[in-house]
N, C-alpha and C. Protein backbone atom coordinates (compact mmCIF):
# COMPACT_ATOMS: atom_id res chain seq x y z
N MET A 1 0.51 -1.82 0.03
CA MET A 1 -0.12 -0.51 -0.11
C MET A 1 0.79 1.35 0.25
N VAL A 2 0.77 1.93 -0.34
CA VAL A 2 0.80 3.91 -1.14
C VAL A 2 0.72 4.41 -0.12
N GLU A 3 1.60 5.34 0.77
CA GLU A 3 1.00 6.47 2.20
C GLU A 3 1.00 7.56 1.19
N LEU A 4 0.12 8.54 0.67
CA LEU A 4 0.05 9.27 0.45
C LEU A 4 1.22 10.30 1.22
N LYS A 5 1.32 11.40 0.32
CA LYS A 5 2.54 12.28 1.05
C LYS A 5 1.25 13.82 1.53
N LYS A 6 1.56 14.85 1.76
CA LYS A 6 0.70 15.76 2.43
C LYS A 6 0.43 16.62 0.92
N LYS A 7 -1.00 16.78 0.61
CA LYS A 7 -1.38 17.02 -1.02
C LYS A 7 -0.66 18.66 -1.29
N ILE A 8 -0.51 18.82 -2.36
CA ILE A 8 0.23 19.68 -2.44
C ILE A 8 -1.08 20.44 -4.00
N THR A 9 -1.72 21.32 -3.82
CA THR A 9 -2.47 22.70 -4.07
C THR A 9 -2.10 23.13 -4.42
N LEU A 10 -2.01 23.31 -6.70
CA LEU A 10 -1.58 24.64 -7.36
C LEU A 10 -2.32 25.94 -7.48
N ARG A 11 -2.72 26.43 -6.78
CA ARG A 11 -3.14 27.37 -7.14
C ARG A 11 -3.42 28.49 -8.36
N LYS A 12 -1.76 28.90 -7.86
CA LYS A 12 -1.75 30.07 -9.47
C LYS A 12 -1.19 29.20 -10.43
N LYS A 13 -1.60 29.98 -12.13
CA LYS A 13 -1.71 29.83 -12.83
C LYS A 13 -0.37 30.10 -12.85
N ASN A 14 0.72 29.03 -13.61
CA ASN A 14 1.81 28.43 -14.19
C ASN A 14 2.67 27.76 -12.85
N GLU A 15 2.11 28.06 -12.31
CA GLU A 15 2.63 27.25 -10.84
C GLU A 15 3.12 25.71 -11.47
N SER A 16 4.23 25.17 -11.04
CA SER A 16 4.89 24.38 -10.88
C SER A 16 5.05 23.11 -9.97
N VAL A 17 4.78 22.45 -9.97
CA VAL A 17 5.75 20.96 -8.93
C VAL A 17 6.50 19.62 -9.60
N ALA A 18 7.38 19.02 -9.58
CA ALA A 18 8.23 17.79 -10.12
C ALA A 18 7.43 16.47 -9.11
N PHE A 19 6.81 15.67 -9.41
CA PHE A 19 6.34 14.47 -9.04
C PHE A 19 7.04 13.11 -9.61
N THR A 20 7.29 12.16 -8.94
CA THR A 20 7.49 10.96 -9.79
C THR A 20 6.22 9.46 -9.39
N PHE A 21 6.11 8.79 -10.52
CA PHE A 21 5.71 7.52 -10.79
C PHE A 21 6.72 6.34 -11.91
N SER A 22 6.07 5.60 -11.74
CA SER A 22 7.12 4.79 -12.28
C SER A 22 6.12 3.33 -12.83
N GLY A 23 4.59 2.90 -12.15
CA GLY A 23 4.09 1.89 -13.09
C GLY A 23 1.93 3.40 -12.88
N LYS A 24 2.78 3.94 -12.41
CA LYS A 24 0.61 4.06 -12.18
C LYS A 24 0.36 5.18 -11.94
N LEU A 25 -0.83 6.11 -11.99
CA LEU A 25 -0.35 7.96 -12.14
C LEU A 25 -2.07 7.42 -12.05
N LYS A 26 -2.80 8.21 -11.09
CA LYS A 26 -4.83 7.82 -11.69
C LYS A 26 -4.49 9.88 -11.43
N VAL A 27 -5.29 10.04 -12.84
CA VAL A 27 -5.93 11.95 -12.57
C VAL A 27 -7.72 11.82 -13.10
N LYS A 28 -7.61 12.66 -11.89
CA LYS A 28 -9.41 12.47 -11.28
C LYS A 28 -9.95 13.91 -11.57
N LEU A 29 -11.05 13.98 -11.78
CA LEU A 29 -11.55 14.88 -12.03
C LEU A 29 -13.54 14.63 -11.00
N LEU A 30 -12.92 16.35 -9.57
CA LEU A 30 -14.51 16.00 -9.01
C LEU A 30 -14.90 16.39 -8.86
N TRP A 31 -16.19 16.90 -9.30
CA TRP A 31 -17.29 18.27 -8.71
C TRP A 31 -18.55 17.77 -8.58
N THR A 32 -18.68 18.94 -7.85
CA THR A 32 -20.30 18.47 -7.98
C THR A 32 -21.83 19.13 -7.75
N SER A 33 -21.71 19.90 -8.93
CA SER A 33 -22.95 20.55 -9.81
C SER A 33 -23.81 19.56 -10.69
N ASP A 34 -24.45 20.56 -11.01
CA ASP A 34 -25.37 19.02 -12.08
C ASP A 34 -25.24 18.96 -12.96
N THR A 35 -23.35 18.95 -13.63
CA THR A 35 -23.85 19.58 -14.81
C THR A 35 -22.46 18.69 -15.82
N ASP A 36 -23.69 17.97 -16.38
CA ASP A 36 -22.11 16.64 -17.30
C ASP A 36 -21.17 17.63 -17.66
N LEU A 37 -19.65 17.34 -16.76
CA LEU A 37 -18.36 17.65 -17.90
C LEU A 37 -17.89 16.02 -17.45
N ASP A 38 -16.84 16.65 -18.90
CA ASP A 38 -16.31 15.29 -19.10
C ASP A 38 -14.24 15.70 -19.38
N LEU A 39 -13.88 14.76 -18.07
CA LEU A 39 -12.56 14.82 -18.83
C LEU A 39 -11.79 14.25 -19.35
N CYS A 40 -10.61 15.00 -20.11
CA CYS A 40 -9.92 14.36 -20.78
C CYS A 40 -9.68 14.76 -20.86
N LEU A 41 -7.84 13.52 -21.83
CA LEU A 41 -6.30 13.70 -21.98
C LEU A 41 -5.49 13.97 -23.36
N PHE A 42 -4.96 15.15 -23.18
CA PHE A 42 -4.59 14.95 -24.72
C PHE A 42 -2.67 15.13 -25.02
N PHE A 43 -2.23 14.39 -25.61
CA PHE A 43 -0.94 14.63 -25.71
C PHE A 43 -0.19 14.68 -27.09
N LYS A 44 0.85 14.95 -26.77
CA LYS A 44 1.49 15.59 -27.24
C LYS A 44 3.07 14.47 -27.56
N LYS A 45 3.41 13.32 -28.45
CA LYS A 45 4.87 12.09 -28.38
C LYS A 45 5.82 13.32 -28.18
N LYS A 46 6.86 12.57 -27.95
CA LYS A 46 8.28 12.66 -27.92
C LYS A 46 8.57 13.19 -29.67
N ASP A 47 8.00 12.13 -30.18
CA ASP A 47 7.76 11.93 -32.08
C ASP A 47 6.95 13.19 -32.76
N GLY A 48 6.40 13.77 -31.59
CA GLY A 48 5.82 14.89 -32.75
C GLY A 48 4.29 14.84 -33.05
N ASN A 49 3.51 13.19 -32.74
CA ASN A 49 2.12 12.86 -33.50
C ASN A 49 1.83 12.72 -32.02
N ILE A 50 0.61 13.92 -31.94
CA ILE A 50 -0.50 13.28 -31.21
C ILE A 50 -1.81 12.23 -31.40
N GLY A 51 -2.40 11.95 -29.77
CA GLY A 51 -3.60 11.38 -29.58
C GLY A 51 -4.17 11.74 -28.35
N GLY A 52 -5.44 10.67 -27.88
CA GLY A 52 -6.08 11.20 -26.24
C GLY A 52 -6.38 10.11 -25.36
N VAL A 53 -7.18 10.65 -24.19
CA VAL A 53 -7.85 9.44 -23.90
C VAL A 53 -9.42 9.90 -23.69
N PHE A 54 -10.50 10.45 -24.35
CA PHE A 54 -11.67 10.73 -23.59
C PHE A 54 -13.14 9.58 -23.83
N SER A 55 -13.88 10.07 -23.51
CA SER A 55 -15.23 9.52 -22.59
C SER A 55 -15.16 8.94 -24.72
N ASN A 56 -16.39 8.06 -24.78
CA ASN A 56 -15.98 7.19 -26.04
C ASN A 56 -17.50 7.56 -27.00
N GLU A 57 -18.39 8.25 -26.26
CA GLU A 57 -19.65 8.60 -26.10
C GLU A 57 -19.06 10.20 -26.91
N TYR A 58 -17.90 10.58 -27.65
CA TYR A 58 -17.70 11.50 -28.76
C TYR A 58 -17.91 10.97 -29.66
N ARG A 59 -16.73 9.72 -30.03
CA ARG A 59 -17.43 9.47 -31.41
C ARG A 59 -17.57 7.59 -31.43
N ASN A 60 -17.89 7.79 -30.73
CA ASN A 60 -18.55 6.33 -30.71
C ASN A 60 -17.58 5.00 -30.82
N LYS A 61 -16.10 5.07 -30.23
CA LYS A 61 -15.23 4.33 -30.38
C LYS A 61 -15.23 3.70 -29.17
N LYS A 62 -15.17 2.81 -28.54
CA LYS A 62 -14.11 1.85 -27.53
C LYS A 62 -12.76 2.81 -27.48
N SER A 63 -11.86 2.26 -28.27
CA SER A 63 -10.40 2.57 -28.52
C SER A 63 -10.28 4.28 -28.07
N ASP A 64 -10.88 4.88 -27.77
CA ASP A 64 -10.96 6.46 -27.56
C ASP A 64 -11.23 6.60 -25.93
N LEU A 65 -11.45 5.68 -25.50
CA LEU A 65 -10.85 5.41 -23.73
C LEU A 65 -9.44 4.57 -23.74
N GLY A 66 -9.16 3.70 -24.37
CA GLY A 66 -7.63 3.61 -24.34
C GLY A 66 -7.08 2.03 -23.65
N ALA A 67 -6.01 2.32 -23.20
CA ALA A 67 -5.53 0.73 -22.95
C ALA A 67 -4.13 0.33 -22.01
N LEU A 68 -4.50 0.05 -20.76
CA LEU A 68 -3.62 0.55 -19.73
C LEU A 68 -1.63 -0.50 -20.54
N ASP A 69 -2.62 -1.57 -21.05
CA ASP A 69 -1.32 -3.38 -21.32
C ASP A 69 -0.50 -2.63 -22.99
N LYS A 70 -1.42 -1.82 -24.13
CA LYS A 70 -0.44 -1.47 -24.91
C LYS A 70 -1.04 0.04 -24.90
N PHE A 71 0.01 1.46 -26.11
CA PHE A 71 -0.01 2.17 -26.44
C PHE A 71 -1.39 2.58 -26.37
N PRO A 72 -2.28 3.74 -25.64
CA PRO A 72 -1.35 5.32 -25.16
C PRO A 72 -0.77 4.25 -23.42
N TYR A 73 -1.39 3.59 -23.06
CA TYR A 73 -1.44 3.11 -21.80
C TYR A 73 -1.62 4.32 -20.87
N MET A 74 -2.71 4.10 -21.08
CA MET A 74 -3.34 4.81 -20.36
C MET A 74 -5.06 4.59 -20.58
N LEU A 75 -5.55 4.25 -19.68
CA LEU A 75 -7.41 3.95 -19.68
C LEU A 75 -8.59 5.61 -19.09
N HIS A 76 -9.21 5.85 -19.67
CA HIS A 76 -10.26 6.71 -19.03
C HIS A 76 -11.47 5.46 -18.86
N LEU A 77 -12.33 5.06 -18.31
CA LEU A 77 -12.63 4.74 -16.94
C LEU A 77 -14.27 4.84 -17.36
N GLY A 78 -14.48 5.75 -18.18
CA GLY A 78 -16.11 5.79 -18.83
C GLY A 78 -16.39 7.51 -17.83
N ASP A 79 -17.47 7.49 -18.81
CA ASP A 79 -18.08 9.08 -18.49
C ASP A 79 -19.00 8.71 -17.29
N ALA A 80 -18.90 9.99 -16.83
CA ALA A 80 -20.37 9.83 -15.59
C ALA A 80 -20.95 10.66 -15.67
N LYS A 81 -22.71 10.61 -15.80
CA LYS A 81 -23.29 12.01 -16.18
C LYS A 81 -23.39 13.21 -15.06
N GLU A 82 -23.37 13.07 -14.21
CA GLU A 82 -23.75 14.81 -13.12
C GLU A 82 -23.59 13.37 -11.66
N PRO A 83 -23.12 14.18 -10.99
CA PRO A 83 -23.17 13.58 -9.29
C PRO A 83 -24.86 13.80 -8.58
N THR A 84 -25.37 12.84 -7.32
CA THR A 84 -26.63 13.04 -7.58
C THR A 84 -26.79 14.26 -6.62
N PRO A 85 -27.78 15.18 -6.18
CA PRO A 85 -27.45 16.27 -5.32
C PRO A 85 -27.27 16.45 -3.87
N GLY A 86 -25.78 16.88 -3.55
CA GLY A 86 -25.47 16.69 -2.47
C GLY A 86 -24.23 16.37 -2.72
N GLY A 87 -23.86 15.13 -3.94
CA GLY A 87 -22.94 14.27 -3.56
C GLY A 87 -22.21 15.37 -5.14
N GLU A 88 -21.04 14.46 -5.31
CA GLU A 88 -19.56 14.70 -5.93
C GLU A 88 -19.64 13.73 -7.24
N GLU A 89 -19.44 13.89 -7.50
CA GLU A 89 -18.71 13.31 -9.07
C GLU A 89 -17.16 12.77 -9.43
N SER A 90 -16.85 12.10 -10.26
CA SER A 90 -15.91 11.78 -10.68
C SER A 90 -15.49 11.21 -12.24
N GLU A 91 -15.05 11.53 -12.96
CA GLU A 91 -14.55 11.03 -13.80
C GLU A 91 -12.31 10.37 -13.60
N GLN A 92 -12.15 8.74 -14.46
CA GLN A 92 -11.39 9.11 -13.69
C GLN A 92 -10.23 8.59 -15.19
N ILE A 93 -9.09 9.18 -15.02
CA ILE A 93 -7.65 8.16 -16.25
C ILE A 93 -6.65 7.67 -15.22
N ASN A 94 -6.52 6.57 -15.85
CA ASN A 94 -5.44 6.33 -15.36
C ASN A 94 -4.10 5.60 -16.27
N ILE A 95 -3.32 5.97 -15.55
CA ILE A 95 -1.75 5.78 -16.35
C ILE A 95 -0.77 5.01 -15.94
N ALA A 96 -0.30 3.66 -16.83
CA ALA A 96 0.89 2.90 -16.60
C ALA A 96 1.97 3.31 -16.96
N LYS A 97 2.65 3.76 -17.83
CA LYS A 97 3.36 4.54 -18.52
C LYS A 97 3.28 5.30 -18.97
N PHE A 98 4.21 6.32 -18.84
CA PHE A 98 4.24 7.33 -19.98
C PHE A 98 5.59 7.79 -20.54
N ASP A 99 6.54 6.99 -21.08
CA ASP A 99 7.89 6.75 -21.72
C ASP A 99 7.48 7.57 -23.36
N ASP A 100 6.68 7.19 -24.14
CA ASP A 100 6.62 8.50 -25.23
C ASP A 100 6.11 9.63 -25.37
N ILE A 101 5.63 9.72 -24.58
CA ILE A 101 4.82 10.66 -24.11
C ILE A 101 5.98 12.12 -23.34
N ASP A 102 6.02 13.11 -24.16
CA ASP A 102 6.11 14.76 -23.94
C ASP A 102 5.08 15.31 -23.05
N THR A 103 3.99 15.97 -23.43
CA THR A 103 3.69 16.89 -23.32
C THR A 103 1.59 16.32 -22.87
N ALA A 104 1.47 16.11 -21.83
CA ALA A 104 -0.04 15.99 -21.82
C ALA A 104 -1.14 16.99 -21.50
N TYR A 105 -1.79 17.30 -21.93
CA TYR A 105 -2.94 18.22 -21.20
C TYR A 105 -4.07 17.29 -20.67
N ILE A 106 -4.43 18.53 -19.70
CA ILE A 106 -5.83 17.39 -18.44
C ILE A 106 -6.80 18.70 -19.08
N CYS A 107 -7.91 18.41 -19.58
CA CYS A 107 -9.23 19.51 -19.94
C CYS A 107 -9.73 18.63 -19.24
N ILE A 108 -11.21 19.00 -18.69
CA ILE A 108 -12.39 19.31 -18.91
C ILE A 108 -13.64 20.47 -19.93
N VAL A 109 -14.26 19.05 -20.63
CA VAL A 109 -15.30 19.67 -21.20
C VAL A 109 -16.80 19.67 -20.75
N ASN A 110 -16.65 21.19 -21.13
CA ASN A 110 -19.12 21.01 -20.88
C ASN A 110 -19.04 21.31 -22.22
N TYR A 111 -19.00 19.72 -23.22
CA TYR A 111 -19.81 18.62 -24.34
C TYR A 111 -21.40 19.94 -24.11
N GLY A 112 -22.01 19.65 -23.35
CA GLY A 112 -23.79 20.15 -23.72
C GLY A 112 -23.80 21.82 -23.88
N ALA A 113 -22.86 22.48 -23.05
CA ALA A 113 -23.34 23.78 -23.50
C ALA A 113 -22.38 24.16 -24.66
N ALA A 114 -21.90 23.38 -25.00
CA ALA A 114 -20.63 24.21 -26.39
C ALA A 114 -21.95 23.66 -27.30
N ILE A 115 -22.81 22.46 -28.10
CA ILE A 115 -23.70 21.90 -29.03
C ILE A 115 -25.14 23.57 -28.63
N GLU A 116 -25.48 23.37 -27.66
CA GLU A 116 -26.29 24.32 -26.95
C GLU A 116 -25.92 25.97 -27.31
N GLY A 117 -24.56 25.85 -27.02
CA GLY A 117 -24.36 27.50 -27.30
C GLY A 117 -24.14 28.29 -26.33
N ASP A 118 -23.91 28.29 -24.60
CA ASP A 118 -25.37 28.41 -23.69
C ASP A 118 -23.50 28.97 -23.05
N ASP A 119 -23.02 30.29 -23.14
CA ASP A 119 -22.11 30.67 -22.21
C ASP A 119 -21.96 29.82 -20.48
N VAL A 120 -21.05 29.63 -20.38
CA VAL A 120 -20.89 29.26 -18.90
C VAL A 120 -19.05 29.60 -18.58
N THR A 121 -19.34 29.12 -17.11
CA THR A 121 -17.71 29.58 -17.11
C THR A 121 -17.23 28.09 -16.21
N TYR A 122 -16.52 27.62 -15.20
CA TYR A 122 -16.58 26.99 -14.36
C TYR A 122 -16.27 27.81 -13.35
N ALA A 123 -16.76 27.92 -12.93
CA ALA A 123 -16.57 28.78 -11.58
C ALA A 123 -17.42 27.95 -10.41
N ASP A 124 -18.04 27.68 -10.42
CA ASP A 124 -19.89 27.72 -10.09
C ASP A 124 -19.87 25.54 -10.30
N GLU A 125 -19.31 24.87 -10.63
CA GLU A 125 -18.64 23.70 -10.97
C GLU A 125 -18.62 23.03 -9.51
N GLY A 126 -17.82 23.51 -8.78
CA GLY A 126 -17.29 22.92 -7.41
C GLY A 126 -16.14 21.44 -8.06
N GLY A 127 -15.18 22.39 -8.65
CA GLY A 127 -13.97 20.95 -10.15
C GLY A 127 -12.48 21.49 -9.46
N ARG A 128 -12.50 19.72 -9.49
CA ARG A 128 -11.04 20.14 -9.13
C ARG A 128 -9.94 18.15 -9.77
N VAL A 129 -9.17 19.05 -10.56
CA VAL A 129 -8.61 18.22 -11.23
C VAL A 129 -7.51 17.23 -9.76
N GLU A 130 -7.60 16.15 -9.50
CA GLU A 130 -6.60 15.52 -8.33
C GLU A 130 -5.38 14.66 -9.35
N ILE A 131 -4.34 14.52 -8.93
CA ILE A 131 -3.51 13.33 -9.36
C ILE A 131 -2.66 12.59 -8.64
N GLN A 132 -2.57 11.55 -8.47
CA GLN A 132 -2.07 10.73 -7.46
C GLN A 132 -0.89 9.53 -7.74
N SER A 133 0.25 9.14 -7.78
CA SER A 133 1.29 8.85 -7.56
C SER A 133 1.60 7.22 -7.46
N ASP A 134 1.75 6.55 -7.88
CA ASP A 134 1.67 5.24 -6.87
C ASP A 134 3.48 4.79 -5.92
N SER A 135 3.79 6.23 -5.77
CA SER A 135 4.84 7.00 -5.32
C SER A 135 4.07 8.13 -4.42
N GLY A 136 3.27 8.13 -4.06
CA GLY A 136 2.71 9.09 -3.43
C GLY A 136 2.83 10.22 -3.25
N ASP A 137 2.62 10.21 -4.37
CA ASP A 137 2.53 12.38 -4.32
C ASP A 137 0.73 12.38 -4.76
N TYR A 138 0.87 13.32 -4.54
CA TYR A 138 -0.51 13.86 -4.12
C TYR A 138 -1.13 15.30 -4.36
N LEU A 139 -1.18 16.04 -5.74
CA LEU A 139 -1.31 16.82 -6.27
C LEU A 139 -2.97 17.41 -6.48
N GLU A 140 -2.79 18.17 -6.47
CA GLU A 140 -4.55 19.36 -6.66
C GLU A 140 -4.31 20.55 -7.58
N VAL A 141 -5.92 20.30 -8.54
CA VAL A 141 -5.39 21.48 -8.95
C VAL A 141 -6.78 22.19 -9.21
N PRO A 142 -7.83 23.78 -8.85
CA PRO A 142 -8.89 23.72 -8.49
C PRO A 142 -9.07 23.97 -9.68
N ALA A 143 -10.46 23.44 -10.29
CA ALA A 143 -10.98 24.09 -11.85
C ALA A 143 -11.74 24.93 -11.74
N ASP A 144 -11.28 25.98 -11.33
CA ASP A 144 -12.45 26.77 -10.55
C ASP A 144 -13.11 28.57 -10.89
N SER A 145 -11.87 28.72 -12.65
CA SER A 145 -11.63 29.50 -13.30
C SER A 145 -13.55 30.37 -13.53
N LYS A 146 -13.56 31.65 -13.78
CA LYS A 146 -14.12 32.28 -13.74
C LYS A 146 -14.43 33.30 -15.05
N ASP A 147 -13.57 32.73 -16.33
CA ASP A 147 -13.79 33.13 -17.43
C ASP A 147 -14.58 32.09 -18.25
N GLU A 148 -14.95 32.79 -18.84
CA GLU A 148 -15.91 32.04 -20.07
C GLU A 148 -15.40 30.77 -21.25
N GLY A 149 -15.92 29.86 -21.69
CA GLY A 149 -15.67 28.50 -22.53
C GLY A 149 -16.20 27.69 -22.00
N HIS A 150 -16.67 26.75 -22.87
CA HIS A 150 -16.23 25.67 -23.14
C HIS A 150 -15.50 23.92 -22.56
N VAL A 151 -13.99 24.93 -22.59
CA VAL A 151 -12.95 24.05 -22.80
C VAL A 151 -12.34 24.77 -20.67
N TYR A 152 -11.69 23.87 -20.51
CA TYR A 152 -10.93 23.78 -19.54
C TYR A 152 -9.90 23.48 -19.09
N CYS A 153 -8.16 23.90 -20.56
CA CYS A 153 -7.09 22.89 -20.00
C CYS A 153 -6.62 23.01 -17.93
N VAL A 154 -6.85 22.61 -17.49
CA VAL A 154 -6.66 22.44 -15.99
C VAL A 154 -4.76 22.53 -15.50
N CYS A 155 -4.81 21.56 -16.38
CA CYS A 155 -3.45 21.15 -15.80
C CYS A 155 -2.12 20.48 -16.99
N SER A 156 -0.89 20.37 -17.21
CA SER A 156 -0.58 20.06 -18.20
C SER A 156 0.88 18.91 -17.35
N ILE A 157 1.02 18.11 -18.04
CA ILE A 157 2.22 17.16 -17.49
C ILE A 157 3.01 17.48 -18.27
N ASN A 158 4.57 17.43 -17.84
CA ASN A 158 6.26 17.69 -18.99
C ASN A 158 6.23 16.08 -18.19
N ASN A 159 6.93 15.32 -19.19
CA ASN A 159 7.96 14.37 -19.14
C ASN A 159 9.63 14.78 -19.58
N ASN A 160 10.19 15.16 -18.53
CA ASN A 160 11.58 15.75 -18.97
C ASN A 160 12.48 14.04 -18.91
N ASN A 161 12.27 13.43 -20.04
CA ASN A 161 13.74 12.18 -19.62
C ASN A 161 12.78 11.43 -18.58
N GLY A 162 11.82 11.52 -18.18
CA GLY A 162 11.41 10.54 -16.89
C GLY A 162 11.52 11.27 -15.90
N GLU A 163 12.07 12.51 -15.76
CA GLU A 163 11.77 13.23 -14.42
C GLU A 163 10.29 14.54 -15.07
N PHE A 164 9.20 13.90 -14.43
CA PHE A 164 8.07 14.46 -13.85
C PHE A 164 7.48 16.00 -14.06
N ALA A 165 6.76 17.17 -14.48
CA ALA A 165 5.76 18.00 -13.56
C ALA A 165 4.32 18.14 -13.59
N LEU A 166 4.37 18.40 -12.94
CA LEU A 166 2.64 19.36 -13.26
C LEU A 166 2.14 20.91 -13.35
N LYS A 167 1.90 21.61 -13.89
CA LYS A 167 1.53 23.03 -14.37
C LYS A 167 0.43 23.05 -14.11
N ASN A 168 0.38 23.86 -13.26
CA ASN A 168 -1.30 24.51 -13.13
C ASN A 168 -1.52 25.44 -14.69
N GLU A 169 -2.40 25.30 -15.49
CA GLU A 169 -2.41 25.86 -16.82
C GLU A 169 -3.06 27.11 -17.07
N SER A 170 -4.95 25.96 -16.15
CA SER A 170 -5.40 27.72 -15.83
C SER A 170 -6.34 28.11 -17.07
N ARG A 171 -6.41 27.33 -18.76
CA ARG A 171 -6.82 28.45 -19.66
C ARG A 171 -8.18 27.62 -20.33
N VAL A 172 -9.34 28.63 -19.81
CA VAL A 172 -10.63 28.23 -20.77
C VAL A 172 -10.90 28.90 -21.84
N MET A 173 -11.18 28.32 -22.30
CA MET A 173 -11.51 29.19 -24.12
C MET A 173 -12.86 27.97 -24.77
N SER A 174 -12.89 28.07 -26.07
CA SER A 174 -13.90 27.79 -26.93
C SER A 174 -13.10 26.69 -27.45
N LEU A 175 -13.96 25.84 -28.52
CA LEU A 175 -13.95 24.53 -28.65
C LEU A 175 -12.70 24.76 -29.51
N ASP A 176 -12.64 26.02 -30.41
CA ASP A 176 -12.41 27.01 -31.67
C ASP A 176 -11.08 27.11 -31.23
N GLU A 177 -10.61 27.72 -30.08
CA GLU A 177 -9.46 27.69 -29.56
C GLU A 177 -8.54 27.00 -29.22
N ALA A 178 -9.61 25.46 -28.01
CA ALA A 178 -8.94 24.15 -28.68
C ALA A 178 -8.51 23.47 -29.03
N TYR A 179 -9.02 23.40 -30.07
CA TYR A 179 -8.63 22.89 -31.45
C TYR A 179 -7.56 23.23 -31.84
N LYS A 180 -7.43 25.05 -32.32
CA LYS A 180 -5.57 25.55 -32.65
C LYS A 180 -4.84 25.30 -31.47
N GLN A 181 -5.20 25.06 -29.77
CA GLN A 181 -4.09 25.28 -28.73
C GLN A 181 -3.99 23.93 -28.09
N ILE A 182 -4.81 22.71 -28.02
CA ILE A 182 -3.85 21.63 -27.30
C ILE A 182 -3.89 20.61 -28.64
N PRO A 183 -2.53 20.11 -28.02
CA PRO A 183 -2.46 18.91 -29.50
C PRO A 183 -2.65 17.76 -29.19
N GLY A 184 -3.74 17.57 -30.21
CA GLY A 184 -4.51 16.08 -29.78
C GLY A 184 -6.19 16.70 -29.66
N PHE A 185 -6.86 17.63 -29.30
CA PHE A 185 -7.95 18.33 -29.86
C PHE A 185 -8.96 17.89 -30.46
N SER A 186 -8.13 17.74 -31.27
CA SER A 186 -9.12 18.02 -32.94
C SER A 186 -9.61 16.38 -32.81
N LEU A 187 -9.19 15.50 -32.22
CA LEU A 187 -9.84 14.13 -32.13
C LEU A 187 -11.65 14.20 -31.46
N ILE A 188 -11.65 15.08 -31.04
CA ILE A 188 -12.87 15.07 -30.33
C ILE A 188 -14.02 15.70 -31.68
N VAL A 189 -12.65 16.83 -32.34
CA VAL A 189 -14.29 17.35 -32.84
C VAL A 189 -13.88 17.49 -34.83
N ASP A 190 -12.90 16.62 -35.18
CA ASP A 190 -12.47 16.04 -35.57
C ASP A 190 -12.95 14.64 -36.63
N GLU A 191 -14.19 14.40 -37.76
CA GLU A 191 -14.49 13.41 -37.92
C GLU A 191 -14.53 13.37 -39.18
């Protein structure tokens, strides 16, 4: 059993912290509103190729959830719709290996609001991203921006030859902006 270290919360944009893992990393989105939020992880590989793991409901492809035993060595555990009143909902992505990944971007998408054209912020969703490593690191980034947009790039993970750093990105944007700025985001909007 791994003993968690003291939780480190990255509250400021561009704040960064180093962490370690050697075979299991959990990335969780937790929120309390009655909104259907989606956790997505998009990445750029060291060779320049892009990819991502996200709900299979975007393209109706089970392969979009990923796999732990073959590339991308990441698995999205499925889409959660919304929490029960007074409760907390979560979506999770497990990562077994990060060797070929240069940078990963952990994003929240409010796709329903994007489709409806609703103006939304994430300040009222009661959301946060938690990252727990098999070496006991316990990191958190609040997802509470008051900026309007349907996509929230909460944080990124940089892999510098096996040395990992979590960075608070805190960038809220439209689908179009995310398409242009987040490597791999095009997978959920192109067909």
